[in-house]
Amino acid sequence: MLAIIAQDRTAGADGLTLSELPHPHAAENDVIVKVHAAGFTPGELDWPGTWTDRAGHDRTPSVPGHELSGVVAELGYGTTGLSVGQRVYGLTDWARNGTLAQYTAVEARNLAPLPADIDHVTAAALPISGLTAWQALFDHAQLRTGQSVVIHGAAGAVGSIAVQLARQAGAHVIGTGRAGHRDTVLGLGAHSYVNLEAQKLEDIGDVDVVLDVIGGEILERSASLVRPGGTLVTIAEPVTVHPREARAVFFVVEPDRARLSDLARRVREGRLKPLVGDVVPLAEAAATFARKPVGGKTVIRVAEE
């Protein structure tokens, strides 16, 4: 099969190549998925799991990418709950070969059924972004109706989902980002927008929750926005400047089949729209790692519907 592989940790995106790999093996409770569309996170070439397995052993050449939408091609021993030919989407393990390939092995528990009326490109844009946004807002920050939330990077893959989920939960939503993203974020349901290039972040005032996907100075300055009892939650980096009398949480997204099913249901009902940016074929996937996203999630089209 064809796959994007990483072999040189020091080469970054320049070390990615399109190569032939053996067909993956389905271990116990695995499924083999024929990948139709896949997503990736640009920073994953810096993650330890891209280069070593859970025991610390080198596993190169490795296949990056951890989001997929496709069709079950094979069941491993003991696998239940899914069937050959079934459409699925989900999030793969950080320390196994990923989704930028024609086929990949995935634990069945990390996949959810994909309704026939959701296309694979849309579905591939949803797993990490959707689960991250949900877990940040509701599992870690316990966002409730009537509370206020600042969402940094609100036009990005995670931020755009978070804006929609927070608004539907009855929160007062303040999005932030670049000037050119204002209309997009307000169109997703944000009540107001702060242009980080021209407006002072501190002028927002006190809020109950801040969701940060940027890190650095923005994360540090966001600590002053959180009122006592509130939560600063980030996926960018560990928190170094903590809010007073409030919580600070740094977390890594976790697979959740039930939540994936809920997110798919929201997409079907028109209550949730993942923002899809560039859609490129597998042969061009390596080049996209070094390309700055223009908005939304970059999706790799591996096979036609």
C-alpha atoms as a PDB file:
ATOM      1  CA  MET A   1       0.000   0.000   0.000  1.00  0.00           C
ATOM      2  CA  LEU A   2       0.995   3.650  -0.368  1.00  0.00           C
ATOM      3  CA  ALA A   3       1.647   5.748   2.724  1.00  0.00           C
ATOM      4  CA  ILE A   4       3.391   8.894   3.875  1.00  0.00           C
ATOM      5  CA  ILE A   5       6.320   7.843   6.040  1.00  0.00           C
ATOM      6  CA  ALA A   6       8.657   9.619   8.460  1.00  0.00           C
ATOM      7  CA  GLN A   7      12.161   8.241   8.917  1.00  0.00           C
ATOM      8  CA  ASP A   8      14.387  11.155   9.996  1.00  0.00           C
ATOM      9  CA  ARG A   9      13.415  12.964  13.199  1.00  0.00           C
ATOM     10  CA  THR A  10      15.777  15.866  12.491  1.00  0.00           C
ATOM     11  CA  ALA A  11      14.441  16.525   8.971  1.00  0.00           C
ATOM     12  CA  GLY A  12      10.931  17.638   9.960  1.00  0.00           C
ATOM     13  CA  ALA A  13       8.450  17.864   7.090  1.00  0.00           C
ATOM     14  CA  ASP A  14      11.319  17.615   4.587  1.00  0.00           C
ATOM     15  CA  GLY A  15      11.853  14.031   5.705  1.00  0.00           C
ATOM     16  CA  LEU A  16       8.348  12.867   4.766  1.00  0.00           C
ATOM     17  CA  THR A  17       8.027  10.723   1.656  1.00  0.00           C
ATOM     18  CA  LEU A  18       5.319   8.803  -0.210  1.00  0.00           C
ATOM     19  CA  SER A  19       6.396   5.151  -0.119  1.00  0.00           C
ATOM     20  CA  GLU A  20       5.204   1.563  -0.336  1.00  0.00           C
ATOM     21  CA  LEU A  21       4.577  -0.222   2.962  1.00  0.00           C
ATOM     22  CA  PRO A  22       3.296  -3.722   3.740  1.00  0.00           C
ATOM     23  CA  HIS A  23      -0.430  -4.061   4.360  1.00  0.00           C
ATOM     24  CA  PRO A  24      -1.085  -3.551   8.106  1.00  0.00           C
ATOM     25  CA  HIS A  25      -1.816  -6.465  10.411  1.00  0.00           C
ATOM     26  CA  ALA A  26      -4.989  -6.498  12.523  1.00  0.00           C
ATOM     27  CA  ALA A  27      -4.126  -7.347  16.118  1.00  0.00           C
ATOM     28  CA  GLU A  28      -6.716  -8.507  18.639  1.00  0.00           C
ATOM     29  CA  ASN A  29      -9.644  -6.046  18.851  1.00  0.00           C
ATOM     30  CA  ASP A  30      -8.308  -4.134  15.838  1.00  0.00           C
ATOM     31  CA  VAL A  31      -9.935  -3.342  12.552  1.00  0.00           C
ATOM     32  CA  ILE A  32      -8.215  -2.577   9.259  1.00  0.00           C
ATOM     33  CA  VAL A  33      -9.740   0.542   7.737  1.00  0.00           C
ATOM     34  CA  LYS A  34      -9.543   1.453   4.074  1.00  0.00           C
ATOM     35  CA  VAL A  35      -8.859   5.165   4.494  1.00  0.00           C
ATOM     36  CA  HIS A  36     -10.916   7.550   2.356  1.00  0.00           C
ATOM     37  CA  ALA A  37      -9.872  10.802   4.064  1.00  0.00           C
ATOM     38  CA  ALA A  38      -7.414  11.647   6.822  1.00  0.00           C
ATOM     39  CA  GLY A  39      -6.356  14.505   9.047  1.00  0.00           C
ATOM     40  CA  PHE A  40      -3.105  15.381  10.773  1.00  0.00           C
ATOM     41  CA  THR A  41      -1.661  17.856  13.275  1.00  0.00           C
ATOM     42  CA  PRO A  42       1.391  19.768  11.974  1.00  0.00           C
ATOM     43  CA  GLY A  43       3.174  19.532  15.321  1.00  0.00           C
ATOM     44  CA  GLU A  44       2.981  15.752  15.529  1.00  0.00           C
ATOM     45  CA  LEU A  45       6.425  15.384  13.973  1.00  0.00           C
ATOM     46  CA  ASP A  46       7.706  16.649  17.347  1.00  0.00           C
ATOM     47  CA  TRP A  47       5.691  14.142  19.387  1.00  0.00           C
ATOM     48  CA  PRO A  48       7.620  11.231  20.963  1.00  0.00           C
ATOM     49  CA  GLY A  49       4.914   8.784  19.853  1.00  0.00           C
ATOM     50  CA  THR A  50       5.640   9.534  16.214  1.00  0.00           C
ATOM     51  CA  TRP A  51       9.092   7.981  16.603  1.00  0.00           C
ATOM     52  CA  THR A  52       8.870   5.416  19.407  1.00  0.00           C
ATOM     53  CA  ASP A  53       6.318   2.911  20.680  1.00  0.00           C
ATOM     54  CA  ARG A  54       4.975   2.872  24.233  1.00  0.00           C
ATOM     55  CA  ALA A  55       7.991   0.869  25.396  1.00  0.00           C
ATOM     56  CA  GLY A  56      10.353   3.497  24.013  1.00  0.00           C
ATOM     57  CA  HIS A  57      11.543   1.404  21.059  1.00  0.00           C
ATOM     58  CA  ASP A  58      12.202   3.045  17.701  1.00  0.00           C
ATOM     59  CA  ARG A  59       9.334   2.405  15.288  1.00  0.00           C
ATOM     60  CA  THR A  60      10.494   4.192  12.148  1.00  0.00           C
ATOM     61  CA  PRO A  61       9.525   4.307   9.384  1.00  0.00           C
ATOM     62  CA  SER A  62       6.297   5.556  10.934  1.00  0.00           C
ATOM     63  CA  VAL A  63       3.101   6.832   9.331  1.00  0.00           C
ATOM     64  CA  PRO A  64       1.832  10.189  10.671  1.00  0.00           C
ATOM     65  CA  GLY A  65      -1.784  11.332  10.895  1.00  0.00           C
ATOM     66  CA  HIS A  66      -4.303  10.354  13.576  1.00  0.00           C
ATOM     67  CA  GLU A  67      -7.738  11.199  12.169  1.00  0.00           C
ATOM     68  CA  LEU A  68      -9.551   9.154   9.579  1.00  0.00           C
ATOM     69  CA  SER A  69     -12.772   8.412   7.824  1.00  0.00           C
ATOM     70  CA  GLY A  70     -13.168   5.268   5.784  1.00  0.00           C
ATOM     71  CA  VAL A  71     -14.587   1.765   5.509  1.00  0.00           C
ATOM     72  CA  VAL A  72     -13.829  -1.334   7.597  1.00  0.00           C
ATOM     73  CA  ALA A  73     -11.885  -3.765   5.391  1.00  0.00           C
ATOM     74  CA  GLU A  74     -10.942  -6.466   7.922  1.00  0.00           C
ATOM     75  CA  LEU A  75     -11.657  -7.458  11.519  1.00  0.00           C
ATOM     76  CA  GLY A  76      -9.013  -8.626  13.969  1.00  0.00           C
ATOM     77  CA  TYR A  77      -9.543 -11.540  16.331  1.00  0.00           C
ATOM     78  CA  GLY A  78     -12.156 -10.789  18.981  1.00  0.00           C
ATOM     79  CA  THR A  79     -13.321  -7.535  17.409  1.00  0.00           C
ATOM     80  CA  THR A  80     -16.982  -6.794  18.017  1.00  0.00           C
ATOM     81  CA  GLY A  81     -19.317  -3.868  17.412  1.00  0.00           C
ATOM     82  CA  LEU A  82     -18.206  -3.180  13.832  1.00  0.00           C
ATOM     83  CA  SER A  83     -18.528  -5.086  10.561  1.00  0.00           C
ATOM     84  CA  VAL A  84     -16.666  -5.375   7.261  1.00  0.00           C
ATOM     85  CA  GLY A  85     -17.929  -2.766   4.810  1.00  0.00           C
ATOM     86  CA  GLN A  86     -19.139  -0.398   7.545  1.00  0.00           C
ATOM     87  CA  ARG A  87     -18.371   3.322   7.251  1.00  0.00           C
ATOM     88  CA  VAL A  88     -16.432   4.580  10.295  1.00  0.00           C
ATOM     89  CA  TYR A  89     -14.464   7.561  11.506  1.00  0.00           C
ATOM     90  CA  GLY A  90     -12.293   8.247  14.512  1.00  0.00           C
ATOM     91  CA  LEU A  91      -9.007   8.903  16.241  1.00  0.00           C
ATOM     92  CA  THR A  92      -6.049   6.519  16.139  1.00  0.00           C
ATOM     93  CA  ASP A  93      -3.425   5.726  18.758  1.00  0.00           C
ATOM     94  CA  TRP A  94      -0.542   8.220  19.105  1.00  0.00           C
ATOM     95  CA  ALA A  95       2.157   5.521  19.184  1.00  0.00           C
ATOM     96  CA  ARG A  96       1.051   3.393  16.202  1.00  0.00           C
ATOM     97  CA  ASN A  97       1.170   3.948  12.473  1.00  0.00           C
ATOM     98  CA  GLY A  98      -1.385   6.560  11.542  1.00  0.00           C
ATOM     99  CA  THR A  99      -3.832   7.514   8.855  1.00  0.00           C
ATOM    100  CA  LEU A 100      -1.864   9.031   5.959  1.00  0.00           C
ATOM    101  CA  ALA A 101      -2.017   5.673   4.221  1.00  0.00           C
ATOM    102  CA  GLN A 102      -4.352   3.651   2.071  1.00  0.00           C
ATOM    103  CA  TYR A 103      -4.997   1.249   4.971  1.00  0.00           C
ATOM    104  CA  THR A 104      -4.400   1.477   8.701  1.00  0.00           C
ATOM    105  CA  ALA A 105      -4.952  -0.692  11.788  1.00  0.00           C
ATOM    106  CA  VAL A 106      -7.076   0.900  14.529  1.00  0.00           C
ATOM    107  CA  GLU A 107      -8.473  -0.305  17.838  1.00  0.00           C
ATOM    108  CA  ALA A 108     -12.187  -0.767  17.285  1.00  0.00           C
ATOM    109  CA  ARG A 109     -13.026   1.207  20.436  1.00  0.00           C
ATOM    110  CA  ASN A 110     -11.487   4.331  18.878  1.00  0.00           C
ATOM    111  CA  LEU A 111     -13.920   4.323  15.952  1.00  0.00           C
ATOM    112  CA  ALA A 112     -17.558   5.311  15.655  1.00  0.00           C
ATOM    113  CA  PRO A 113     -20.060   4.457  12.903  1.00  0.00           C
ATOM    114  CA  LEU A 114     -20.294   7.154  10.229  1.00  0.00           C
ATOM    115  CA  PRO A 115     -23.788   7.894   8.876  1.00  0.00           C
ATOM    116  CA  ALA A 116     -24.168   7.557   5.114  1.00  0.00           C
ATOM    117  CA  ASP A 117     -25.114  11.213   4.677  1.00  0.00           C
ATOM    118  CA  ILE A 118     -21.818  12.584   6.074  1.00  0.00           C
ATOM    119  CA  ASP A 119     -19.025  12.616   3.496  1.00  0.00           C
ATOM    120  CA  HIS A 120     -15.580  11.308   4.378  1.00  0.00           C
ATOM    121  CA  VAL A 121     -13.807  14.665   3.996  1.00  0.00           C
ATOM    122  CA  THR A 122     -16.134  16.322   6.509  1.00  0.00           C
ATOM    123  CA  ALA A 123     -15.800  13.387   8.901  1.00  0.00           C
ATOM    124  CA  ALA A 124     -11.997  13.406   8.759  1.00  0.00           C
ATOM    125  CA  ALA A 125     -11.990  17.037   9.903  1.00  0.00           C
ATOM    126  CA  LEU A 126     -13.936  16.199  13.063  1.00  0.00           C
ATOM    127  CA  PRO A 127     -12.235  13.686  15.423  1.00  0.00           C
ATOM    128  CA  ILE A 128      -9.391  15.661  17.047  1.00  0.00           C
ATOM    129  CA  SER A 129     -11.050  19.059  16.676  1.00  0.00           C
ATOM    130  CA  GLY A 130     -14.441  17.910  17.904  1.00  0.00           C
ATOM    131  CA  LEU A 131     -13.213  15.809  20.810  1.00  0.00           C
ATOM    132  CA  THR A 132     -10.701  18.463  21.871  1.00  0.00           C
ATOM    133  CA  ALA A 133     -13.312  21.218  21.867  1.00  0.00           C
ATOM    134  CA  TRP A 134     -15.827  19.105  23.811  1.00  0.00           C
ATOM    135  CA  GLN A 135     -13.349  17.834  26.395  1.00  0.00           C
ATOM    136  CA  ALA A 136     -11.899  21.315  26.933  1.00  0.00           C
ATOM    137  CA  LEU A 137     -15.228  23.071  27.394  1.00  0.00           C
ATOM    138  CA  PHE A 138     -17.284  20.497  29.231  1.00  0.00           C
ATOM    139  CA  ASP A 139     -15.046  17.799  30.737  1.00  0.00           C
ATOM    140  CA  HIS A 140     -12.291  20.126  31.992  1.00  0.00           C
ATOM    141  CA  ALA A 141     -13.877  23.587  32.271  1.00  0.00           C
ATOM    142  CA  GLN A 142     -17.421  22.415  33.119  1.00  0.00           C
ATOM    143  CA  LEU A 143     -18.872  25.237  31.014  1.00  0.00           C
ATOM    144  CA  ARG A 144     -22.530  25.870  31.866  1.00  0.00           C
ATOM    145  CA  THR A 145     -25.448  27.835  30.503  1.00  0.00           C
ATOM    146  CA  GLY A 146     -25.113  31.543  31.240  1.00  0.00           C
ATOM    147  CA  GLN A 147     -21.339  31.506  31.679  1.00  0.00           C
ATOM    148  CA  SER A 148     -18.891  33.424  29.503  1.00  0.00           C
ATOM    149  CA  VAL A 149     -16.050  31.888  27.484  1.00  0.00           C
ATOM    150  CA  VAL A 150     -13.152  33.293  25.448  1.00  0.00           C
ATOM    151  CA  ILE A 151     -12.053  31.027  22.604  1.00  0.00           C
ATOM    152  CA  HIS A 152      -8.658  31.845  21.111  1.00  0.00           C
ATOM    153  CA  GLY A 153      -8.041  30.862  17.498  1.00  0.00           C
ATOM    154  CA  ALA A 154     -11.785  30.778  17.003  1.00  0.00           C
ATOM    155  CA  ALA A 155     -11.578  30.340  13.222  1.00  0.00           C
ATOM    156  CA  GLY A 156      -9.233  27.355  13.446  1.00  0.00           C
ATOM    157  CA  ALA A 157     -10.099  23.679  13.434  1.00  0.00           C
ATOM    158  CA  VAL A 158     -10.589  23.353  17.220  1.00  0.00           C
ATOM    159  CA  GLY A 159     -11.750  26.906  17.884  1.00  0.00           C
ATOM    160  CA  SER A 160     -14.496  26.861  15.256  1.00  0.00           C
ATOM    161  CA  ILE A 161     -16.007  23.705  16.747  1.00  0.00           C
ATOM    162  CA  ALA A 162     -15.689  25.142  20.261  1.00  0.00           C
ATOM    163  CA  VAL A 163     -17.544  28.324  19.259  1.00  0.00           C
ATOM    164  CA  GLN A 164     -20.487  26.298  17.968  1.00  0.00           C
ATOM    165  CA  LEU A 165     -20.622  23.931  20.955  1.00  0.00           C
ATOM    166  CA  ALA A 166     -20.338  26.747  23.507  1.00  0.00           C
ATOM    167  CA  ARG A 167     -23.078  28.785  21.831  1.00  0.00           C
ATOM    168  CA  GLN A 168     -25.395  25.766  21.733  1.00  0.00           C
ATOM    169  CA  ALA A 169     -24.718  25.213  25.450  1.00  0.00           C
ATOM    170  CA  GLY A 170     -26.069  28.697  26.194  1.00  0.00           C
ATOM    171  CA  ALA A 171     -22.738  30.376  26.967  1.00  0.00           C
ATOM    172  CA  HIS A 172     -21.743  33.924  26.045  1.00  0.00           C
ATOM    173  CA  VAL A 173     -19.016  33.354  23.449  1.00  0.00           C
ATOM    174  CA  ILE A 174     -16.120  35.717  22.695  1.00  0.00           C
ATOM    175  CA  GLY A 175     -13.897  34.642  19.819  1.00  0.00           C
ATOM    176  CA  THR A 176     -10.389  35.909  19.140  1.00  0.00           C
ATOM    177  CA  GLY A 177      -8.018  35.780  16.193  1.00  0.00           C
ATOM    178  CA  ARG A 178      -6.899  37.768  13.182  1.00  0.00           C
ATOM    179  CA  ALA A 179      -8.900  40.594  11.635  1.00  0.00           C
ATOM    180  CA  GLY A 180      -9.775  38.595   8.537  1.00  0.00           C
ATOM    181  CA  HIS A 181     -11.486  35.867  10.562  1.00  0.00           C
ATOM    182  CA  ARG A 182     -14.056  38.123  12.251  1.00  0.00           C
ATOM    183  CA  ASP A 183     -16.992  37.404   9.931  1.00  0.00           C
ATOM    184  CA  THR A 184     -16.324  33.661   9.983  1.00  0.00           C
ATOM    185  CA  VAL A 185     -16.342  33.492  13.777  1.00  0.00           C
ATOM    186  CA  LEU A 186     -19.419  35.675  14.196  1.00  0.00           C
ATOM    187  CA  GLY A 187     -21.127  33.531  11.567  1.00  0.00           C
ATOM    188  CA  LEU A 188     -20.437  30.445  13.678  1.00  0.00           C
ATOM    189  CA  GLY A 189     -22.343  31.982  16.568  1.00  0.00           C
ATOM    190  CA  ALA A 190     -19.863  34.016  18.618  1.00  0.00           C
ATOM    191  CA  HIS A 191     -21.443  37.034  20.326  1.00  0.00           C
ATOM    192  CA  SER A 192     -18.365  39.203  19.826  1.00  0.00           C
ATOM    193  CA  TYR A 193     -14.878  39.081  18.344  1.00  0.00           C
ATOM    194  CA  VAL A 194     -11.505  40.434  19.428  1.00  0.00           C
ATOM    195  CA  ASN A 195      -8.875  41.147  16.787  1.00  0.00           C
ATOM    196  CA  LEU A 196      -5.634  40.151  18.527  1.00  0.00           C
ATOM    197  CA  GLU A 197      -3.627  42.198  16.018  1.00  0.00           C
ATOM    198  CA  ALA A 198      -5.296  45.494  16.923  1.00  0.00           C
ATOM    199  CA  GLN A 199      -7.244  45.151  20.202  1.00  0.00           C
ATOM    200  CA  LYS A 200      -6.070  44.627  23.781  1.00  0.00           C
ATOM    201  CA  LEU A 201      -6.864  41.184  25.109  1.00  0.00           C
ATOM    202  CA  GLU A 202      -7.155  42.574  28.628  1.00  0.00           C
ATOM    203  CA  ASP A 203     -10.079  44.798  27.597  1.00  0.00           C
ATOM    204  CA  ILE A 204     -12.306  41.725  27.435  1.00  0.00           C
ATOM    205  CA  GLY A 205     -12.743  41.767  31.193  1.00  0.00           C
ATOM    206  CA  ASP A 206     -13.438  38.820  33.494  1.00  0.00           C
ATOM    207  CA  VAL A 207     -14.842  35.580  32.060  1.00  0.00           C
ATOM    208  CA  ASP A 208     -15.619  32.144  33.433  1.00  0.00           C
ATOM    209  CA  VAL A 209     -13.596  30.110  30.924  1.00  0.00           C
ATOM    210  CA  VAL A 210     -10.713  30.716  28.522  1.00  0.00           C
ATOM    211  CA  LEU A 211      -9.939  28.064  25.892  1.00  0.00           C
ATOM    212  CA  ASP A 212      -6.454  28.544  24.454  1.00  0.00           C
ATOM    213  CA  VAL A 213      -4.998  26.809  21.399  1.00  0.00           C
ATOM    214  CA  ILE A 214      -2.161  29.278  20.771  1.00  0.00           C
ATOM    215  CA  GLY A 215       0.161  29.189  23.792  1.00  0.00           C
ATOM    216  CA  GLY A 216       3.023  31.591  24.452  1.00  0.00           C
ATOM    217  CA  GLU A 217       2.217  35.186  25.308  1.00  0.00           C
ATOM    218  CA  ILE A 218      -1.496  34.783  24.587  1.00  0.00           C
ATOM    219  CA  LEU A 219      -1.740  31.937  27.085  1.00  0.00           C
ATOM    220  CA  GLU A 220       0.184  33.893  29.732  1.00  0.00           C
ATOM    221  CA  ARG A 221      -1.939  37.042  29.320  1.00  0.00           C
ATOM    222  CA  SER A 222      -5.139  34.993  29.385  1.00  0.00           C
ATOM    223  CA  ALA A 223      -4.608  34.125  33.049  1.00  0.00           C
ATOM    224  CA  SER A 224      -5.709  37.633  34.046  1.00  0.00           C
ATOM    225  CA  LEU A 225      -9.050  37.177  32.271  1.00  0.00           C
ATOM    226  CA  VAL A 226     -10.294  34.274  34.373  1.00  0.00           C
ATOM    227  CA  ARG A 227     -12.492  35.261  37.287  1.00  0.00           C
ATOM    228  CA  PRO A 228     -12.254  33.436  40.641  1.00  0.00           C
ATOM    229  CA  GLY A 229     -13.712  29.952  40.359  1.00  0.00           C
ATOM    230  CA  GLY A 230     -13.212  29.880  36.589  1.00  0.00           C
ATOM    231  CA  THR A 231     -10.944  27.785  34.370  1.00  0.00           C
ATOM    232  CA  LEU A 232      -8.106  28.441  31.947  1.00  0.00           C
ATOM    233  CA  VAL A 233      -7.778  25.397  29.687  1.00  0.00           C
ATOM    234  CA  THR A 234      -5.143  24.960  26.999  1.00  0.00           C
ATOM    235  CA  ILE A 235      -3.963  22.352  24.524  1.00  0.00           C
ATOM    236  CA  ALA A 236      -0.876  24.320  23.473  1.00  0.00           C
ATOM    237  CA  GLU A 237       1.586  23.854  26.339  1.00  0.00           C
ATOM    238  CA  PRO A 238       1.729  23.495  30.132  1.00  0.00           C
ATOM    239  CA  VAL A 239       0.542  26.589  31.978  1.00  0.00           C
ATOM    240  CA  THR A 240       3.253  28.744  33.573  1.00  0.00           C
ATOM    241  CA  VAL A 241       1.170  31.796  34.581  1.00  0.00           C
ATOM    242  CA  HIS A 242      -1.799  30.683  36.652  1.00  0.00           C
ATOM    243  CA  PRO A 243      -5.036  32.630  37.178  1.00  0.00           C
ATOM    244  CA  ARG A 244      -5.764  33.803  40.709  1.00  0.00           C
ATOM    245  CA  GLU A 245      -8.279  31.679  42.623  1.00  0.00           C
ATOM    246  CA  ALA A 246      -9.070  29.720  39.467  1.00  0.00           C
ATOM    247  CA  ARG A 247      -8.008  26.482  37.827  1.00  0.00           C
ATOM    248  CA  ALA A 248      -5.551  25.986  34.963  1.00  0.00           C
ATOM    249  CA  VAL A 249      -5.651  22.806  32.869  1.00  0.00           C
ATOM    250  CA  PHE A 250      -3.345  21.537  30.125  1.00  0.00           C
ATOM    251  CA  PHE A 251      -4.549  18.331  28.476  1.00  0.00           C
ATOM    252  CA  VAL A 252      -4.176  15.997  25.498  1.00  0.00           C
ATOM    253  CA  VAL A 253      -7.326  14.824  23.757  1.00  0.00           C
ATOM    254  CA  GLU A 254      -8.505  11.249  24.349  1.00  0.00           C
ATOM    255  CA  PRO A 255     -10.538   8.930  22.095  1.00  0.00           C
ATOM    256  CA  ASP A 256     -14.233   8.643  22.962  1.00  0.00           C
ATOM    257  CA  ARG A 257     -16.532   6.554  20.755  1.00  0.00           C
ATOM    258  CA  ALA A 258     -19.749   7.768  22.388  1.00  0.00           C
ATOM    259  CA  ARG A 259     -18.781  11.414  21.944  1.00  0.00           C
ATOM    260  CA  LEU A 260     -17.781  10.799  18.314  1.00  0.00           C
ATOM    261  CA  SER A 261     -21.258   9.401  17.717  1.00  0.00           C
ATOM    262  CA  ASP A 262     -22.786  12.480  19.336  1.00  0.00           C
ATOM    263  CA  LEU A 263     -20.674  14.827  17.206  1.00  0.00           C
ATOM    264  CA  ALA A 264     -21.691  12.984  14.037  1.00  0.00           C
ATOM    265  CA  ARG A 265     -25.330  13.297  15.061  1.00  0.00           C
ATOM    266  CA  ARG A 266     -24.906  17.057  15.482  1.00  0.00           C
ATOM    267  CA  VAL A 267     -23.389  17.293  12.001  1.00  0.00           C
ATOM    268  CA  ARG A 268     -26.310  15.332  10.517  1.00  0.00           C
ATOM    269  CA  GLU A 269     -28.811  17.601  12.233  1.00  0.00           C
ATOM    270  CA  GLY A 270     -27.077  20.728  10.940  1.00  0.00           C
ATOM    271  CA  ARG A 271     -26.091  21.887  14.434  1.00  0.00           C
ATOM    272  CA  LEU A 272     -22.359  21.484  13.862  1.00  0.00           C
ATOM    273  CA  LYS A 273     -20.248  22.329  10.829  1.00  0.00           C
ATOM    274  CA  PRO A 274     -16.547  21.447  10.791  1.00  0.00           C
ATOM    275  CA  LEU A 275     -14.524  24.046   8.906  1.00  0.00           C
ATOM    276  CA  VAL A 276     -12.618  22.266   6.145  1.00  0.00           C
ATOM    277  CA  GLY A 277      -9.655  24.144   4.704  1.00  0.00           C
ATOM    278  CA  ASP A 278      -7.434  22.695   1.988  1.00  0.00           C
ATOM    279  CA  VAL A 279      -8.256  19.230   0.614  1.00  0.00           C
ATOM    280  CA  VAL A 280      -5.223  17.614  -1.013  1.00  0.00           C
ATOM    281  CA  PRO A 281      -4.427  14.133  -2.376  1.00  0.00           C
ATOM    282  CA  LEU A 282      -2.213  11.690  -0.481  1.00  0.00           C
ATOM    283  CA  ALA A 283       0.666  12.289  -2.921  1.00  0.00           C
ATOM    284  CA  GLU A 284       0.792  15.946  -1.797  1.00  0.00           C
ATOM    285  CA  ALA A 285       0.335  15.319   1.927  1.00  0.00           C
ATOM    286  CA  ALA A 286       4.008  15.732   2.842  1.00  0.00           C
ATOM    287  CA  ALA A 287       4.079  19.297   1.507  1.00  0.00           C
ATOM    288  CA  THR A 288       1.082  20.313   3.618  1.00  0.00           C
ATOM    289  CA  PHE A 289       2.952  19.734   6.906  1.00  0.00           C
ATOM    290  CA  ALA A 290       5.104  22.771   6.217  1.00  0.00           C
ATOM    291  CA  ARG A 291       2.204  24.897   4.974  1.00  0.00           C
ATOM    292  CA  LYS A 292       0.412  27.229   7.384  1.00  0.00           C
ATOM    293  CA  PRO A 293      -3.349  26.478   7.440  1.00  0.00           C
ATOM    294  CA  VAL A 294      -5.434  29.279   5.928  1.00  0.00           C
ATOM    295  CA  GLY A 295      -8.431  28.452   8.110  1.00  0.00           C
ATOM    296  CA  GLY A 296     -10.213  25.285   9.089  1.00  0.00           C
ATOM    297  CA  LYS A 297      -8.810  21.770   8.968  1.00  0.00           C
ATOM    298  CA  THR A 298      -6.536  20.511   6.190  1.00  0.00           C
ATOM    299  CA  VAL A 299      -7.827  17.132   4.985  1.00  0.00           C
ATOM    300  CA  ILE A 300      -5.963  14.534   2.942  1.00  0.00           C
ATOM    301  CA  ARG A 301      -8.119  12.740   0.376  1.00  0.00           C
ATOM    302  CA  VAL A 302      -6.802   9.189   0.172  1.00  0.00           C
ATOM    303  CA  ALA A 303      -9.563   7.536  -1.886  1.00  0.00           C
ATOM    304  CA  GLU A 304     -12.729   8.675  -3.625  1.00  0.00           C
ATOM    305  CA  GLU A 305     -16.104   8.214  -1.949  1.00  0.00           C
END
